[in-house]
Amino acid sequence: MRATLKLFRPMIGIFIALNSGLLLCRHLLEKRGVDVLVLMTANFIFLILGVGAFLLQRKALGNKNPNVFIRGVMGTMMLRMFVVAIVVVAYAVLSGSAFNKPAVFVAMFFYLIYLAAEVATIIKLNRSKNA
């Protein structure tokens, strides 16, 4: 259990760092027309998606068949993209004219940060498994 929590440190660290940065730069972002609440919500969604995807990929990594791991990685990436697309469309529909394009673009940058952290952690796990 403790080893599993240790693997989530990068994602939790990114979550805390991004939220702290958003709170510290709130006035600057709002002056530029970026909705900070949208970014904080996106940050939380990406954390939940990242943890869920990581758990699925870790389970697939334990299988002896390497194809299971590849399918797990590709499946979680596709699932995450669909969830993000659904959330963006829902936000666009529900917010109407208050839709904040700059916040959505910044959130997509957050998506890439979480993706990089997850891939780095999975690669590290794969190397330790094969060593």
C-alpha atoms as a PDB file:
ATOM      1  CA  MET A   1       0.000   0.000   0.000  1.00  0.00           C
ATOM      2  CA  ARG A   2       2.790   2.385   0.906  1.00  0.00           C
ATOM      3  CA  ALA A   3       4.581   1.689  -2.382  1.00  0.00           C
ATOM      4  CA  THR A   4       1.388   2.501  -4.291  1.00  0.00           C
ATOM      5  CA  LEU A   5       1.021   5.841  -2.532  1.00  0.00           C
ATOM      6  CA  LYS A   6       4.646   6.624  -3.334  1.00  0.00           C
ATOM      7  CA  LEU A   7       3.869   6.201  -7.033  1.00  0.00           C
ATOM      8  CA  PHE A   8       1.154   8.862  -6.846  1.00  0.00           C
ATOM      9  CA  ARG A   9       3.523  11.519  -5.486  1.00  0.00           C
ATOM     10  CA  PRO A  10       4.309  13.055  -8.906  1.00  0.00           C
ATOM     11  CA  MET A  11       0.627  13.488  -9.765  1.00  0.00           C
ATOM     12  CA  ILE A  12      -0.278  14.816  -6.333  1.00  0.00           C
ATOM     13  CA  GLY A  13       2.731  17.135  -6.483  1.00  0.00           C
ATOM     14  CA  ILE A  14       1.622  18.454  -9.871  1.00  0.00           C
ATOM     15  CA  PHE A  15      -1.904  18.965  -8.551  1.00  0.00           C
ATOM     16  CA  ILE A  16      -0.670  20.940  -5.542  1.00  0.00           C
ATOM     17  CA  ALA A  17       1.832  22.942  -7.594  1.00  0.00           C
ATOM     18  CA  LEU A  18      -0.714  23.881 -10.260  1.00  0.00           C
ATOM     19  CA  ASN A  19      -3.398  24.826  -7.736  1.00  0.00           C
ATOM     20  CA  SER A  20      -0.886  26.873  -5.753  1.00  0.00           C
ATOM     21  CA  GLY A  21       0.242  28.616  -8.922  1.00  0.00           C
ATOM     22  CA  LEU A  22      -3.338  29.320  -9.892  1.00  0.00           C
ATOM     23  CA  LEU A  23      -4.091  30.822  -6.497  1.00  0.00           C
ATOM     24  CA  LEU A  24      -0.922  32.920  -6.528  1.00  0.00           C
ATOM     25  CA  CYS A  25      -1.472  34.181 -10.083  1.00  0.00           C
ATOM     26  CA  ARG A  26      -5.240  34.506  -9.822  1.00  0.00           C
ATOM     27  CA  HIS A  27      -5.352  38.263 -10.400  1.00  0.00           C
ATOM     28  CA  LEU A  28      -2.921  38.096 -13.298  1.00  0.00           C
ATOM     29  CA  LEU A  29      -4.888  35.323 -14.982  1.00  0.00           C
ATOM     30  CA  GLU A  30      -8.233  37.034 -14.438  1.00  0.00           C
ATOM     31  CA  LYS A  31      -6.806  40.264 -15.849  1.00  0.00           C
ATOM     32  CA  ARG A  32      -5.946  38.302 -19.011  1.00  0.00           C
ATOM     33  CA  GLY A  33      -9.465  36.845 -19.189  1.00  0.00           C
ATOM     34  CA  VAL A  34      -8.720  33.321 -17.884  1.00  0.00           C
ATOM     35  CA  ASP A  35     -11.282  31.806 -15.535  1.00  0.00           C
ATOM     36  CA  VAL A  36      -9.325  30.337 -12.626  1.00  0.00           C
ATOM     37  CA  LEU A  37     -12.263  28.259 -11.370  1.00  0.00           C
ATOM     38  CA  VAL A  38     -12.374  26.436 -14.713  1.00  0.00           C
ATOM     39  CA  LEU A  39      -8.649  25.728 -14.444  1.00  0.00           C
ATOM     40  CA  MET A  40      -8.933  24.445 -10.878  1.00  0.00           C
ATOM     41  CA  THR A  41     -11.811  22.184 -11.878  1.00  0.00           C
ATOM     42  CA  ALA A  42      -9.843  20.894 -14.861  1.00  0.00           C
ATOM     43  CA  ASN A  43      -6.844  20.292 -12.613  1.00  0.00           C
ATOM     44  CA  PHE A  44      -8.972  18.159 -10.295  1.00  0.00           C
ATOM     45  CA  ILE A  45     -10.509  16.229 -13.203  1.00  0.00           C
ATOM     46  CA  PHE A  46      -7.049  15.513 -14.626  1.00  0.00           C
ATOM     47  CA  LEU A  47      -5.848  14.288 -11.231  1.00  0.00           C
ATOM     48  CA  ILE A  48      -8.782  11.863 -10.945  1.00  0.00           C
ATOM     49  CA  LEU A  49      -8.358  10.681 -14.542  1.00  0.00           C
ATOM     50  CA  GLY A  50      -4.603  10.282 -14.073  1.00  0.00           C
ATOM     51  CA  VAL A  51      -4.947   8.229 -10.900  1.00  0.00           C
ATOM     52  CA  GLY A  52      -7.631   6.025 -12.456  1.00  0.00           C
ATOM     53  CA  ALA A  53      -5.641   5.480 -15.634  1.00  0.00           C
ATOM     54  CA  PHE A  54      -2.499   4.774 -13.652  1.00  0.00           C
ATOM     55  CA  LEU A  55      -4.260   2.117 -11.562  1.00  0.00           C
ATOM     56  CA  LEU A  56      -5.546   0.399 -14.700  1.00  0.00           C
ATOM     57  CA  GLN A  57      -2.126   0.534 -16.352  1.00  0.00           C
ATOM     58  CA  ARG A  58      -0.407  -0.794 -13.259  1.00  0.00           C
ATOM     59  CA  LYS A  59      -2.795  -3.731 -13.175  1.00  0.00           C
ATOM     60  CA  ALA A  60      -2.070  -4.412 -16.863  1.00  0.00           C
ATOM     61  CA  LEU A  61       1.669  -4.207 -16.200  1.00  0.00           C
ATOM     62  CA  GLY A  62       1.401  -7.176 -13.851  1.00  0.00           C
ATOM     63  CA  ASN A  63       0.149  -9.433 -16.659  1.00  0.00           C
ATOM     64  CA  LYS A  64       2.685 -11.746 -18.309  1.00  0.00           C
ATOM     65  CA  ASN A  65       1.405 -10.914 -21.771  1.00  0.00           C
ATOM     66  CA  PRO A  66       3.003  -7.602 -22.907  1.00  0.00           C
ATOM     67  CA  ASN A  67       0.074  -6.955 -25.256  1.00  0.00           C
ATOM     68  CA  VAL A  68      -2.192  -6.512 -22.243  1.00  0.00           C
ATOM     69  CA  PHE A  69      -0.027  -3.633 -21.047  1.00  0.00           C
ATOM     70  CA  ILE A  70      -0.028  -1.972 -24.489  1.00  0.00           C
ATOM     71  CA  ARG A  71      -3.812  -2.321 -24.716  1.00  0.00           C
ATOM     72  CA  GLY A  72      -4.109  -0.909 -21.207  1.00  0.00           C
ATOM     73  CA  VAL A  73      -2.037   2.152 -22.040  1.00  0.00           C
ATOM     74  CA  MET A  74      -3.802   2.805 -25.333  1.00  0.00           C
ATOM     75  CA  GLY A  75      -7.226   2.173 -23.800  1.00  0.00           C
ATOM     76  CA  THR A  76      -6.695   4.543 -20.889  1.00  0.00           C
ATOM     77  CA  MET A  77      -5.356   7.250 -23.209  1.00  0.00           C
ATOM     78  CA  MET A  78      -8.383   6.901 -25.471  1.00  0.00           C
ATOM     79  CA  LEU A  79     -10.766   6.833 -22.498  1.00  0.00           C
ATOM     80  CA  ARG A  80      -9.144   9.933 -21.036  1.00  0.00           C
ATOM     81  CA  MET A  81      -9.388  11.808 -24.343  1.00  0.00           C
ATOM     82  CA  PHE A  82     -13.076  10.921 -24.636  1.00  0.00           C
ATOM     83  CA  VAL A  83     -13.783  12.014 -21.070  1.00  0.00           C
ATOM     84  CA  VAL A  84     -11.934  15.307 -21.616  1.00  0.00           C
ATOM     85  CA  ALA A  85     -13.802  15.916 -24.887  1.00  0.00           C
ATOM     86  CA  ILE A  86     -17.146  15.189 -23.199  1.00  0.00           C
ATOM     87  CA  VAL A  87     -16.292  17.536 -20.313  1.00  0.00           C
ATOM     88  CA  VAL A  88     -15.283  20.347 -22.711  1.00  0.00           C
ATOM     89  CA  VAL A  89     -18.458  19.929 -24.764  1.00  0.00           C
ATOM     90  CA  ALA A  90     -20.569  19.845 -21.596  1.00  0.00           C
ATOM     91  CA  TYR A  91     -18.817  22.977 -20.337  1.00  0.00           C
ATOM     92  CA  ALA A  92     -19.423  24.713 -23.675  1.00  0.00           C
ATOM     93  CA  VAL A  93     -23.107  23.796 -23.677  1.00  0.00           C
ATOM     94  CA  LEU A  94     -23.756  24.585 -20.012  1.00  0.00           C
ATOM     95  CA  SER A  95     -21.791  27.840 -19.912  1.00  0.00           C
ATOM     96  CA  GLY A  96     -23.244  29.238 -23.126  1.00  0.00           C
ATOM     97  CA  SER A  97     -21.874  32.698 -23.783  1.00  0.00           C
ATOM     98  CA  ALA A  98     -19.701  32.541 -20.644  1.00  0.00           C
ATOM     99  CA  PHE A  99     -17.491  29.865 -22.282  1.00  0.00           C
ATOM    100  CA  ASN A 100     -13.848  30.727 -21.540  1.00  0.00           C
ATOM    101  CA  LYS A 101     -11.588  29.658 -24.439  1.00  0.00           C
ATOM    102  CA  PRO A 102      -8.321  30.744 -22.796  1.00  0.00           C
ATOM    103  CA  ALA A 103      -9.061  28.596 -19.740  1.00  0.00           C
ATOM    104  CA  VAL A 104      -9.764  25.567 -21.940  1.00  0.00           C
ATOM    105  CA  PHE A 105      -6.473  26.042 -23.795  1.00  0.00           C
ATOM    106  CA  VAL A 106      -4.515  26.369 -20.552  1.00  0.00           C
ATOM    107  CA  ALA A 107      -6.319  23.286 -19.231  1.00  0.00           C
ATOM    108  CA  MET A 108      -5.121  21.327 -22.261  1.00  0.00           C
ATOM    109  CA  PHE A 109      -1.579  22.270 -21.261  1.00  0.00           C
ATOM    110  CA  PHE A 110      -2.359  20.835 -17.803  1.00  0.00           C
ATOM    111  CA  TYR A 111      -3.511  17.666 -19.563  1.00  0.00           C
ATOM    112  CA  LEU A 112      -0.095  17.318 -21.188  1.00  0.00           C
ATOM    113  CA  ILE A 113       1.676  17.825 -17.869  1.00  0.00           C
ATOM    114  CA  TYR A 114      -0.360  15.058 -16.221  1.00  0.00           C
ATOM    115  CA  LEU A 115       0.156  12.797 -19.215  1.00  0.00           C
ATOM    116  CA  ALA A 116       3.926  13.261 -19.064  1.00  0.00           C
ATOM    117  CA  ALA A 117       3.999  12.496 -15.339  1.00  0.00           C
ATOM    118  CA  GLU A 118       1.920   9.375 -15.794  1.00  0.00           C
ATOM    119  CA  VAL A 119       4.044   8.086 -18.673  1.00  0.00           C
ATOM    120  CA  ALA A 120       7.253   8.733 -16.735  1.00  0.00           C
ATOM    121  CA  THR A 121       5.912   6.831 -13.728  1.00  0.00           C
ATOM    122  CA  ILE A 122       4.736   3.886 -15.831  1.00  0.00           C
ATOM    123  CA  ILE A 123       8.102   3.721 -17.617  1.00  0.00           C
ATOM    124  CA  LYS A 124       9.834   3.714 -14.242  1.00  0.00           C
ATOM    125  CA  LEU A 125       7.556   0.896 -13.051  1.00  0.00           C
ATOM    126  CA  ASN A 126       8.145  -1.089 -16.243  1.00  0.00           C
ATOM    127  CA  ARG A 127      11.922  -0.774 -15.888  1.00  0.00           C
ATOM    128  CA  SER A 128      11.844  -1.882 -12.251  1.00  0.00           C
ATOM    129  CA  LYS A 129       9.648  -4.851 -13.213  1.00  0.00           C
ATOM    130  CA  ASN A 130      12.022  -5.942 -15.975  1.00  0.00           C
ATOM    131  CA  ALA A 131      15.174  -5.424 -13.940  1.00  0.00           C
END
